Amino acid sequence: MKKLLLTAVNVLRLLKDSDVKLTRKLLFLVPLAYLLLPFDLVGDFFPVLGQLDDIAVFILMWPVLKGMLAKYKQADPEIRKNKMDPDAVDISQDNYTVE
């Protein structure tokens, strides 16, 4: 549950970050738009098949989105500018101590 919550927080940070390219942000909206819009490869009026193509979009997009989130957390210049303070501690990782 903790990992899911951290992933959701990182997605929201990526979507709100003004330094992230718009095309990268839109990639997160593709699966959601495909699910909500009435246009599908296989119409939802076909039992099972209509829902399977929606699920397939999420399954195919997940590795792309997961990789992009990893690059975002590492401040990869392909995704965003490096704005991290070198002395800052990332609390989403468990490699810090409180003194």
PDB file of N, CA and C in Angstrom:
ATOM      1  N   MET A   1       0.822  -1.191   0.000  1.00  0.00           N
ATOM      2  CA  MET A   1       0.000   0.000   0.000  1.00  0.00           C
ATOM      3  C   MET A   1       0.871   1.263   0.000  1.00  0.00           C
ATOM      4  N   LYS A   2       1.977   1.205   0.769  1.00  0.00           N
ATOM      5  CA  LYS A   2       2.882   2.344   0.848  1.00  0.00           C
ATOM      6  C   LYS A   2       3.500   2.639  -0.521  1.00  0.00           C
ATOM      7  N   LYS A   3       3.884   1.573  -1.230  1.00  0.00           N
ATOM      8  CA  LYS A   3       4.509   1.739  -2.540  1.00  0.00           C
ATOM      9  C   LYS A   3       3.512   2.335  -3.545  1.00  0.00           C
ATOM     10  N   LEU A   4       2.257   1.888  -3.475  1.00  0.00           N
ATOM     11  CA  LEU A   4       1.220   2.414  -4.357  1.00  0.00           C
ATOM     12  C   LEU A   4       0.978   3.891  -4.085  1.00  0.00           C
ATOM     13  N   LEU A   5       0.949   4.257  -2.830  1.00  0.00           N
ATOM     14  CA  LEU A   5       0.748   5.660  -2.452  1.00  0.00           C
ATOM     15  C   LEU A   5       1.919   6.529  -2.918  1.00  0.00           C
ATOM     16  N   LEU A   6       3.145   6.048  -2.746  1.00  0.00           N
ATOM     17  CA  LEU A   6       4.323   6.803  -3.205  1.00  0.00           C
ATOM     18  C   LEU A   6       4.317   6.959  -4.724  1.00  0.00           C
ATOM     19  N   THR A   7       3.890   5.915  -5.434  1.00  0.00           N
ATOM     20  CA  THR A   7       3.807   6.002  -6.893  1.00  0.00           C
ATOM     21  C   THR A   7       2.783   7.044  -7.303  1.00  0.00           C
ATOM     22  N   ALA A   8       1.634   7.053  -6.639  1.00  0.00           N
ATOM     23  CA  ALA A   8       0.600   8.048  -6.947  1.00  0.00           C
ATOM     24  C   ALA A   8       1.105   9.468  -6.675  1.00  0.00           C
ATOM     25  N   VAL A   9       1.836   9.649  -5.577  1.00  0.00           N
ATOM     26  CA  VAL A   9       2.395  10.967  -5.250  1.00  0.00           C
ATOM     27  C   VAL A   9       3.410  11.386  -6.308  1.00  0.00           C
ATOM     28  N   ASN A  10       4.248  10.449  -6.756  1.00  0.00           N
ATOM     29  CA  ASN A  10       5.241  10.777  -7.785  1.00  0.00           C
ATOM     30  C   ASN A  10       4.587  11.121  -9.118  1.00  0.00           C
ATOM     31  N   VAL A  11       3.492  10.438  -9.463  1.00  0.00           N
ATOM     32  CA  VAL A  11       2.771  10.768 -10.698  1.00  0.00           C
ATOM     33  C   VAL A  11       2.204  12.180 -10.597  1.00  0.00           C
ATOM     34  N   LEU A  12       1.615  12.513  -9.460  1.00  0.00           N
ATOM     35  CA  LEU A  12       1.076  13.869  -9.287  1.00  0.00           C
ATOM     36  C   LEU A  12       2.180  14.917  -9.344  1.00  0.00           C
ATOM     37  N   ARG A  13       3.327  14.622  -8.738  1.00  0.00           N
ATOM     38  CA  ARG A  13       4.455  15.570  -8.809  1.00  0.00           C
ATOM     39  C   ARG A  13       4.898  15.778 -10.243  1.00  0.00           C
ATOM     40  N   LEU A  14       4.983  14.681 -11.003  1.00  0.00           N
ATOM     41  CA  LEU A  14       5.398  14.775 -12.399  1.00  0.00           C
ATOM     42  C   LEU A  14       4.397  15.611 -13.189  1.00  0.00           C
ATOM     43  N   LEU A  15       3.119  15.384 -12.975  1.00  0.00           N
ATOM     44  CA  LEU A  15       2.100  16.117 -13.716  1.00  0.00           C
ATOM     45  C   LEU A  15       2.064  17.600 -13.351  1.00  0.00           C
ATOM     46  N   LYS A  16       2.420  17.944 -12.115  1.00  0.00           N
ATOM     47  CA  LYS A  16       2.411  19.340 -11.680  1.00  0.00           C
ATOM     48  C   LYS A  16       3.716  20.078 -11.997  1.00  0.00           C
ATOM     49  N   ASP A  17       4.794  19.351 -12.222  1.00  0.00           N
ATOM     50  CA  ASP A  17       6.104  19.954 -12.436  1.00  0.00           C
ATOM     51  C   ASP A  17       6.125  20.725 -13.751  1.00  0.00           C
ATOM     52  N   SER A  18       6.397  22.004 -13.682  1.00  0.00           N
ATOM     53  CA  SER A  18       6.397  22.840 -14.884  1.00  0.00           C
ATOM     54  C   SER A  18       7.604  22.581 -15.783  1.00  0.00           C
ATOM     55  N   ASP A  19       8.625  21.930 -15.264  1.00  0.00           N
ATOM     56  CA  ASP A  19       9.807  21.638 -16.077  1.00  0.00           C
ATOM     57  C   ASP A  19       9.691  20.333 -16.860  1.00  0.00           C
ATOM     58  N   VAL A  20       8.647  19.557 -16.610  1.00  0.00           N
ATOM     59  CA  VAL A  20       8.445  18.310 -17.351  1.00  0.00           C
ATOM     60  C   VAL A  20       7.798  18.643 -18.687  1.00  0.00           C
ATOM     61  N   LYS A  21       8.305  18.013 -19.727  1.00  0.00           N
ATOM     62  CA  LYS A  21       7.780  18.264 -21.066  1.00  0.00           C
ATOM     63  C   LYS A  21       6.314  17.852 -21.147  1.00  0.00           C
ATOM     64  N   LEU A  22       5.538  18.619 -21.876  1.00  0.00           N
ATOM     65  CA  LEU A  22       4.109  18.360 -22.013  1.00  0.00           C
ATOM     66  C   LEU A  22       3.848  16.987 -22.637  1.00  0.00           C
ATOM     67  N   THR A  23       4.671  16.591 -23.584  1.00  0.00           N
ATOM     68  CA  THR A  23       4.474  15.286 -24.221  1.00  0.00           C
ATOM     69  C   THR A  23       4.624  14.152 -23.217  1.00  0.00           C
ATOM     70  N   ARG A  24       5.512  14.317 -22.252  1.00  0.00           N
ATOM     71  CA  ARG A  24       5.684  13.296 -21.205  1.00  0.00           C
ATOM     72  C   ARG A  24       4.461  13.239 -20.302  1.00  0.00           C
ATOM     73  N   LYS A  25       3.895  14.390 -19.997  1.00  0.00           N
ATOM     74  CA  LYS A  25       2.699  14.425 -19.158  1.00  0.00           C
ATOM     75  C   LYS A  25       1.513  13.774 -19.877  1.00  0.00           C
ATOM     76  N   LEU A  26       1.403  14.022 -21.170  1.00  0.00           N
ATOM     77  CA  LEU A  26       0.290  13.470 -21.934  1.00  0.00           C
ATOM     78  C   LEU A  26       0.335  11.946 -21.993  1.00  0.00           C
ATOM     79  N   LEU A  27       1.524  11.367 -21.921  1.00  0.00           N
ATOM     80  CA  LEU A  27       1.627   9.908 -21.930  1.00  0.00           C
ATOM     81  C   LEU A  27       0.903   9.279 -20.750  1.00  0.00           C
ATOM     82  N   PHE A  28       0.826   9.980 -19.618  1.00  0.00           N
ATOM     83  CA  PHE A  28       0.114   9.454 -18.463  1.00  0.00           C
ATOM     84  C   PHE A  28      -1.400   9.546 -18.661  1.00  0.00           C
ATOM     85  N   LEU A  29      -1.820  10.433 -19.530  1.00  0.00           N
ATOM     86  CA  LEU A  29      -3.252  10.607 -19.748  1.00  0.00           C
ATOM     87  C   LEU A  29      -3.802   9.695 -20.847  1.00  0.00           C
ATOM     88  N   VAL A  30      -2.926   9.109 -21.667  1.00  0.00           N
ATOM     89  CA  VAL A  30      -3.374   8.242 -22.761  1.00  0.00           C
ATOM     90  C   VAL A  30      -4.199   7.057 -22.261  1.00  0.00           C
ATOM     91  N   PRO A  31      -3.722   6.271 -21.307  1.00  0.00           N
ATOM     92  CA  PRO A  31      -4.550   5.136 -20.867  1.00  0.00           C
ATOM     93  C   PRO A  31      -5.878   5.571 -20.254  1.00  0.00           C
ATOM     94  N   LEU A  32      -5.856   6.648 -19.496  1.00  0.00           N
ATOM     95  CA  LEU A  32      -7.081   7.134 -18.869  1.00  0.00           C
ATOM     96  C   LEU A  32      -8.073   7.629 -19.926  1.00  0.00           C
ATOM     97  N   ALA A  33      -7.583   8.363 -20.903  1.00  0.00           N
ATOM     98  CA  ALA A  33      -8.448   8.861 -21.974  1.00  0.00           C
ATOM     99  C   ALA A  33      -9.018   7.703 -22.788  1.00  0.00           C
ATOM    100  N   TYR A  34      -8.208   6.693 -23.053  1.00  0.00           N
ATOM    101  CA  TYR A  34      -8.676   5.537 -23.821  1.00  0.00           C
ATOM    102  C   TYR A  34      -9.789   4.813 -23.072  1.00  0.00           C
ATOM    103  N   LEU A  35      -9.663   4.746 -21.761  1.00  0.00           N
ATOM    104  CA  LEU A  35     -10.675   4.076 -20.953  1.00  0.00           C
ATOM    105  C   LEU A  35     -11.978   4.874 -20.925  1.00  0.00           C
ATOM    106  N   LEU A  36     -11.879   6.198 -20.823  1.00  0.00           N
ATOM    107  CA  LEU A  36     -13.066   7.034 -20.661  1.00  0.00           C
ATOM    108  C   LEU A  36     -13.764   7.391 -21.966  1.00  0.00           C
ATOM    109  N   LEU A  37     -13.010   7.545 -23.043  1.00  0.00           N
ATOM    110  CA  LEU A  37     -13.616   7.945 -24.308  1.00  0.00           C
ATOM    111  C   LEU A  37     -14.346   6.760 -24.955  1.00  0.00           C
ATOM    112  N   PRO A  38     -15.394   7.035 -25.687  1.00  0.00           N
ATOM    113  CA  PRO A  38     -16.174   5.941 -26.276  1.00  0.00           C
ATOM    114  C   PRO A  38     -15.523   5.292 -27.494  1.00  0.00           C
ATOM    115  N   PHE A  39     -14.396   5.816 -27.955  1.00  0.00           N
ATOM    116  CA  PHE A  39     -13.742   5.268 -29.136  1.00  0.00           C
ATOM    117  C   PHE A  39     -12.738   4.195 -28.707  1.00  0.00           C
ATOM    118  N   ASP A  40     -12.939   2.982 -29.153  1.00  0.00           N
ATOM    119  CA  ASP A  40     -12.053   1.856 -28.824  1.00  0.00           C
ATOM    120  C   ASP A  40     -11.721   1.090 -30.095  1.00  0.00           C
ATOM    121  N   LEU A  41     -10.668   0.278 -30.015  1.00  0.00           N
ATOM    122  CA  LEU A  41     -10.367  -0.634 -31.112  1.00  0.00           C
ATOM    123  C   LEU A  41     -11.468  -1.678 -31.231  1.00  0.00           C
ATOM    124  N   VAL A  42     -11.893  -2.196 -30.086  1.00  0.00           N
ATOM    125  CA  VAL A  42     -13.010  -3.141 -30.023  1.00  0.00           C
ATOM    126  C   VAL A  42     -14.076  -2.472 -29.154  1.00  0.00           C
ATOM    127  N   GLY A  43     -15.258  -2.302 -29.677  1.00  0.00           N
ATOM    128  CA  GLY A  43     -16.325  -1.610 -28.948  1.00  0.00           C
ATOM    129  C   GLY A  43     -16.678  -2.301 -27.645  1.00  0.00           C
ATOM    130  N   ASP A  44     -17.047  -1.499 -26.645  1.00  0.00           N
ATOM    131  CA  ASP A  44     -17.394  -2.035 -25.331  1.00  0.00           C
ATOM    132  C   ASP A  44     -18.724  -2.796 -25.345  1.00  0.00           C
ATOM    133  N   PHE A  45     -19.462  -2.719 -26.439  1.00  0.00           N
ATOM    134  CA  PHE A  45     -20.721  -3.461 -26.504  1.00  0.00           C
ATOM    135  C   PHE A  45     -20.491  -4.946 -26.763  1.00  0.00           C
ATOM    136  N   PHE A  46     -19.252  -5.344 -27.118  1.00  0.00           N
ATOM    137  CA  PHE A  46     -18.903  -6.764 -27.209  1.00  0.00           C
ATOM    138  C   PHE A  46     -18.513  -7.247 -25.822  1.00  0.00           C
ATOM    139  N   PRO A  47     -19.239  -8.210 -25.283  1.00  0.00           N
ATOM    140  CA  PRO A  47     -18.895  -8.682 -23.931  1.00  0.00           C
ATOM    141  C   PRO A  47     -17.470  -9.224 -23.889  1.00  0.00           C
ATOM    142  N   VAL A  48     -16.767  -8.947 -22.867  1.00  0.00           N
ATOM    143  CA  VAL A  48     -15.399  -9.371 -22.556  1.00  0.00           C
ATOM    144  C   VAL A  48     -14.376  -8.739 -23.494  1.00  0.00           C
ATOM    145  N   LEU A  49     -14.520  -8.898 -24.799  1.00  0.00           N
ATOM    146  CA  LEU A  49     -13.529  -8.343 -25.734  1.00  0.00           C
ATOM    147  C   LEU A  49     -13.438  -6.823 -25.632  1.00  0.00           C
ATOM    148  N   GLY A  50     -14.558  -6.171 -25.426  1.00  0.00           N
ATOM    149  CA  GLY A  50     -14.569  -4.715 -25.311  1.00  0.00           C
ATOM    150  C   GLY A  50     -13.782  -4.220 -24.110  1.00  0.00           C
ATOM    151  N   GLN A  51     -13.819  -4.966 -23.019  1.00  0.00           N
ATOM    152  CA  GLN A  51     -13.085  -4.585 -21.822  1.00  0.00           C
ATOM    153  C   GLN A  51     -11.617  -5.025 -21.901  1.00  0.00           C
ATOM    154  N   LEU A  52     -11.352  -6.116 -22.617  1.00  0.00           N
ATOM    155  CA  LEU A  52      -9.975  -6.605 -22.727  1.00  0.00           C
ATOM    156  C   LEU A  52      -9.069  -5.619 -23.453  1.00  0.00           C
ATOM    157  N   ASP A  53      -9.571  -4.931 -24.462  1.00  0.00           N
ATOM    158  CA  ASP A  53      -8.709  -3.977 -25.152  1.00  0.00           C
ATOM    159  C   ASP A  53      -8.383  -2.785 -24.253  1.00  0.00           C
ATOM    160  N   ASP A  54      -9.310  -2.396 -23.366  1.00  0.00           N
ATOM    161  CA  ASP A  54      -9.013  -1.335 -22.399  1.00  0.00           C
ATOM    162  C   ASP A  54      -7.902  -1.776 -21.450  1.00  0.00           C
ATOM    163  N   ILE A  55      -7.996  -2.993 -20.962  1.00  0.00           N
ATOM    164  CA  ILE A  55      -6.976  -3.534 -20.056  1.00  0.00           C
ATOM    165  C   ILE A  55      -5.643  -3.670 -20.774  1.00  0.00           C
ATOM    166  N   ALA A  56      -5.671  -4.063 -22.043  1.00  0.00           N
ATOM    167  CA  ALA A  56      -4.434  -4.223 -22.814  1.00  0.00           C
ATOM    168  C   ALA A  56      -3.675  -2.909 -22.945  1.00  0.00           C
ATOM    169  N   VAL A  57      -4.396  -1.807 -23.098  1.00  0.00           N
ATOM    170  CA  VAL A  57      -3.734  -0.492 -23.193  1.00  0.00           C
ATOM    171  C   VAL A  57      -2.983  -0.205 -21.900  1.00  0.00           C
ATOM    172  N   PHE A  58      -3.597  -0.477 -20.755  1.00  0.00           N
ATOM    173  CA  PHE A  58      -2.930  -0.243 -19.478  1.00  0.00           C
ATOM    174  C   PHE A  58      -1.706  -1.156 -19.325  1.00  0.00           C
ATOM    175  N   ILE A  59      -1.844  -2.416 -19.723  1.00  0.00           N
ATOM    176  CA  ILE A  59      -0.731  -3.359 -19.597  1.00  0.00           C
ATOM    177  C   ILE A  59       0.431  -2.950 -20.498  1.00  0.00           C
ATOM    178  N   LEU A  60       0.137  -2.498 -21.702  1.00  0.00           N
ATOM    179  CA  LEU A  60       1.197  -2.098 -22.634  1.00  0.00           C
ATOM    180  C   LEU A  60       1.846  -0.778 -22.232  1.00  0.00           C
ATOM    181  N   MET A  61       1.087   0.120 -21.636  1.00  0.00           N
ATOM    182  CA  MET A  61       1.636   1.425 -21.261  1.00  0.00           C
ATOM    183  C   MET A  61       2.388   1.401 -19.933  1.00  0.00           C
ATOM    184  N   TRP A  62       2.100   0.450 -19.055  1.00  0.00           N
ATOM    185  CA  TRP A  62       2.688   0.443 -17.721  1.00  0.00           C
ATOM    186  C   TRP A  62       4.216   0.452 -17.735  1.00  0.00           C
ATOM    187  N   PRO A  63       4.908  -0.404 -18.521  1.00  0.00           N
ATOM    188  CA  PRO A  63       6.385  -0.342 -18.509  1.00  0.00           C
ATOM    189  C   PRO A  63       6.928   1.015 -18.956  1.00  0.00           C
ATOM    190  N   VAL A  64       6.275   1.636 -19.917  1.00  0.00           N
ATOM    191  CA  VAL A  64       6.715   2.954 -20.396  1.00  0.00           C
ATOM    192  C   VAL A  64       6.561   3.993 -19.285  1.00  0.00           C
ATOM    193  N   LEU A  65       5.419   3.989 -18.637  1.00  0.00           N
ATOM    194  CA  LEU A  65       5.153   4.961 -17.581  1.00  0.00           C
ATOM    195  C   LEU A  65       6.033   4.718 -16.356  1.00  0.00           C
ATOM    196  N   LYS A  66       6.261   3.459 -16.027  1.00  0.00           N
ATOM    197  CA  LYS A  66       7.121   3.122 -14.886  1.00  0.00           C
ATOM    198  C   LYS A  66       8.559   3.581 -15.134  1.00  0.00           C
ATOM    199  N   GLY A  67       9.044   3.369 -16.352  1.00  0.00           N
ATOM    200  CA  GLY A  67      10.393   3.826 -16.700  1.00  0.00           C
ATOM    201  C   GLY A  67      10.509   5.337 -16.666  1.00  0.00           C
ATOM    202  N   MET A  68       9.469   6.015 -17.122  1.00  0.00           N
ATOM    203  CA  MET A  68       9.483   7.471 -17.099  1.00  0.00           C
ATOM    204  C   MET A  68       9.478   7.998 -15.671  1.00  0.00           C
ATOM    205  N   LEU A  69       8.719   7.365 -14.780  1.00  0.00           N
ATOM    206  CA  LEU A  69       8.722   7.777 -13.371  1.00  0.00           C
ATOM    207  C   LEU A  69      10.093   7.576 -12.745  1.00  0.00           C
ATOM    208  N   ALA A  70      10.756   6.482 -13.079  1.00  0.00           N
ATOM    209  CA  ALA A  70      12.094   6.229 -12.543  1.00  0.00           C
ATOM    210  C   ALA A  70      13.066   7.309 -13.011  1.00  0.00           C
ATOM    211  N   LYS A  71      12.994   7.674 -14.283  1.00  0.00           N
ATOM    212  CA  LYS A  71      13.862   8.742 -14.797  1.00  0.00           C
ATOM    213  C   LYS A  71      13.542  10.080 -14.139  1.00  0.00           C
ATOM    214  N   TYR A  72      12.274  10.333 -13.881  1.00  0.00           N
ATOM    215  CA  TYR A  72      11.871  11.577 -13.231  1.00  0.00           C
ATOM    216  C   TYR A  72      12.447  11.657 -11.821  1.00  0.00           C
ATOM    217  N   LYS A  73      12.380  10.557 -11.083  1.00  0.00           N
ATOM    218  CA  LYS A  73      12.909  10.544  -9.721  1.00  0.00           C
ATOM    219  C   LYS A  73      14.422  10.723  -9.699  1.00  0.00           C
ATOM    220  N   GLN A  74      15.103  10.303 -10.761  1.00  0.00           N
ATOM    221  CA  GLN A  74      16.566  10.444 -10.842  1.00  0.00           C
ATOM    222  C   GLN A  74      16.974  11.775 -11.469  1.00  0.00           C
ATOM    223  N   ALA A  75      15.996  12.626 -11.739  1.00  0.00           N
ATOM    224  CA  ALA A  75      16.229  13.947 -12.341  1.00  0.00           C
ATOM    225  C   ALA A  75      16.936  13.834 -13.687  1.00  0.00           C
ATOM    226  N   ASP A  76      16.528  12.867 -14.471  1.00  0.00           N
ATOM    227  CA  ASP A  76      17.073  12.672 -15.817  1.00  0.00           C
ATOM    228  C   ASP A  76      16.728  13.886 -16.676  1.00  0.00           C
ATOM    229  N   PRO A  77      17.713  14.496 -17.328  1.00  0.00           N
ATOM    230  CA  PRO A  77      17.434  15.695 -18.140  1.00  0.00           C
ATOM    231  C   PRO A  77      16.492  15.416 -19.308  1.00  0.00           C
ATOM    232  N   GLU A  78      16.343  14.159 -19.695  1.00  0.00           N
ATOM    233  CA  GLU A  78      15.393  13.812 -20.756  1.00  0.00           C
ATOM    234  C   GLU A  78      13.955  14.113 -20.316  1.00  0.00           C
ATOM    235  N   ILE A  79      13.706  14.012 -19.029  1.00  0.00           N
ATOM    236  CA  ILE A  79      12.373  14.228 -18.482  1.00  0.00           C
ATOM    237  C   ILE A  79      12.217  15.641 -17.934  1.00  0.00           C
ATOM    238  N   ARG A  80      13.188  16.079 -17.149  1.00  0.00           N
ATOM    239  CA  ARG A  80      13.075  17.397 -16.509  1.00  0.00           C
ATOM    240  C   ARG A  80      14.468  17.942 -16.192  1.00  0.00           C
ATOM    241  N   LYS A  81      14.494  19.200 -15.794  1.00  0.00           N
ATOM    242  CA  LYS A  81      15.746  19.809 -15.365  1.00  0.00           C
ATOM    243  C   LYS A  81      16.092  19.318 -13.965  1.00  0.00           C
ATOM    244  N   ASN A  82      17.348  19.284 -13.650  1.00  0.00           N
ATOM    245  CA  ASN A  82      17.781  18.859 -12.316  1.00  0.00           C
ATOM    246  C   ASN A  82      17.643  20.028 -11.354  1.00  0.00           C
ATOM    247  N   LYS A  83      16.628  19.961 -10.509  1.00  0.00           N
ATOM    248  CA  LYS A  83      16.392  21.021  -9.547  1.00  0.00           C
ATOM    249  C   LYS A  83      16.694  20.561  -8.127  1.00  0.00           C
ATOM    250  N   MET A  84      17.207  19.343  -7.975  1.00  0.00           N
ATOM    251  CA  MET A  84      17.436  18.783  -6.647  1.00  0.00           C
ATOM    252  C   MET A  84      18.647  19.446  -5.990  1.00  0.00           C
ATOM    253  N   ASP A  85      18.502  19.800  -4.745  1.00  0.00           N
ATOM    254  CA  ASP A  85      19.589  20.313  -3.939  1.00  0.00           C
ATOM    255  C   ASP A  85      20.500  19.136  -3.611  1.00  0.00           C
ATOM    256  N   PRO A  86      21.825  19.261  -3.827  1.00  0.00           N
ATOM    257  CA  PRO A  86      22.720  18.128  -3.563  1.00  0.00           C
ATOM    258  C   PRO A  86      22.721  17.688  -2.100  1.00  0.00           C
ATOM    259  N   ASP A  87      22.365  18.574  -1.189  1.00  0.00           N
ATOM    260  CA  ASP A  87      22.326  18.227   0.232  1.00  0.00           C
ATOM    261  C   ASP A  87      20.948  17.732   0.684  1.00  0.00           C
ATOM    262  N   ALA A  88      19.977  17.745  -0.226  1.00  0.00           N
ATOM    263  CA  ALA A  88      18.620  17.332   0.137  1.00  0.00           C
ATOM    264  C   ALA A  88      18.553  15.812   0.266  1.00  0.00           C
ATOM    265  N   VAL A  89      17.633  15.358   1.111  1.00  0.00           N
ATOM    266  CA  VAL A  89      17.431  13.933   1.338  1.00  0.00           C
ATOM    267  C   VAL A  89      16.086  13.542   0.750  1.00  0.00           C
ATOM    268  N   ASP A  90      16.073  12.456  -0.021  1.00  0.00           N
ATOM    269  CA  ASP A  90      14.826  11.946  -0.586  1.00  0.00           C
ATOM    270  C   ASP A  90      14.195  11.006   0.430  1.00  0.00           C
ATOM    271  N   ILE A  91      13.084  11.438   1.039  1.00  0.00           N
ATOM    272  CA  ILE A  91      12.484  10.635   2.106  1.00  0.00           C
ATOM    273  C   ILE A  91      11.708   9.443   1.565  1.00  0.00           C
ATOM    274  N   SER A  92      11.496   9.368   0.233  1.00  0.00           N
ATOM    275  CA  SER A  92      10.820   8.202  -0.316  1.00  0.00           C
ATOM    276  C   SER A  92      11.745   6.988  -0.336  1.00  0.00           C
ATOM    277  N   GLN A  93      13.033   7.212  -0.156  1.00  0.00           N
ATOM    278  CA  GLN A  93      13.991   6.111  -0.049  1.00  0.00           C
ATOM    279  C   GLN A  93      14.298   5.911   1.433  1.00  0.00           C
ATOM    280  N   ASP A  94      14.587   4.685   1.806  1.00  0.00           N
ATOM    281  CA  ASP A  94      14.836   4.368   3.213  1.00  0.00           C
ATOM    282  C   ASP A  94      16.326   4.391   3.581  1.00  0.00           C
ATOM    283  N   ASN A  95      17.091   5.238   2.931  1.00  0.00           N
ATOM    284  CA  ASN A  95      18.537   5.263   3.186  1.00  0.00           C
ATOM    285  C   ASN A  95      18.984   6.555   3.890  1.00  0.00           C
ATOM    286  N   TYR A  96      18.190   7.047   4.828  1.00  0.00           N
ATOM    287  CA  TYR A  96      18.544   8.258   5.543  1.00  0.00           C
ATOM    288  C   TYR A  96      18.383   8.015   7.040  1.00  0.00           C
ATOM    289  N   THR A  97      19.056   8.837   7.832  1.00  0.00           N
ATOM    290  CA  THR A  97      18.939   8.755   9.278  1.00  0.00           C
ATOM    291  C   THR A  97      18.627  10.135   9.839  1.00  0.00           C
ATOM    292  N   VAL A  98      17.941  10.163  10.950  1.00  0.00           N
ATOM    293  CA  VAL A  98      17.598  11.406  11.609  1.00  0.00           C
ATOM    294  C   VAL A  98      18.527  11.550  12.810  1.00  0.00           C
ATOM    295  N   GLU A  99      19.182  12.683  12.889  1.00  0.00           N
ATOM    296  CA  GLU A  99      20.132  12.899  13.993  1.00  0.00           C
ATOM    297  C   GLU A  99      19.552  13.830  15.008  1.00  0.00           C
TER     298      GLU A  99
END
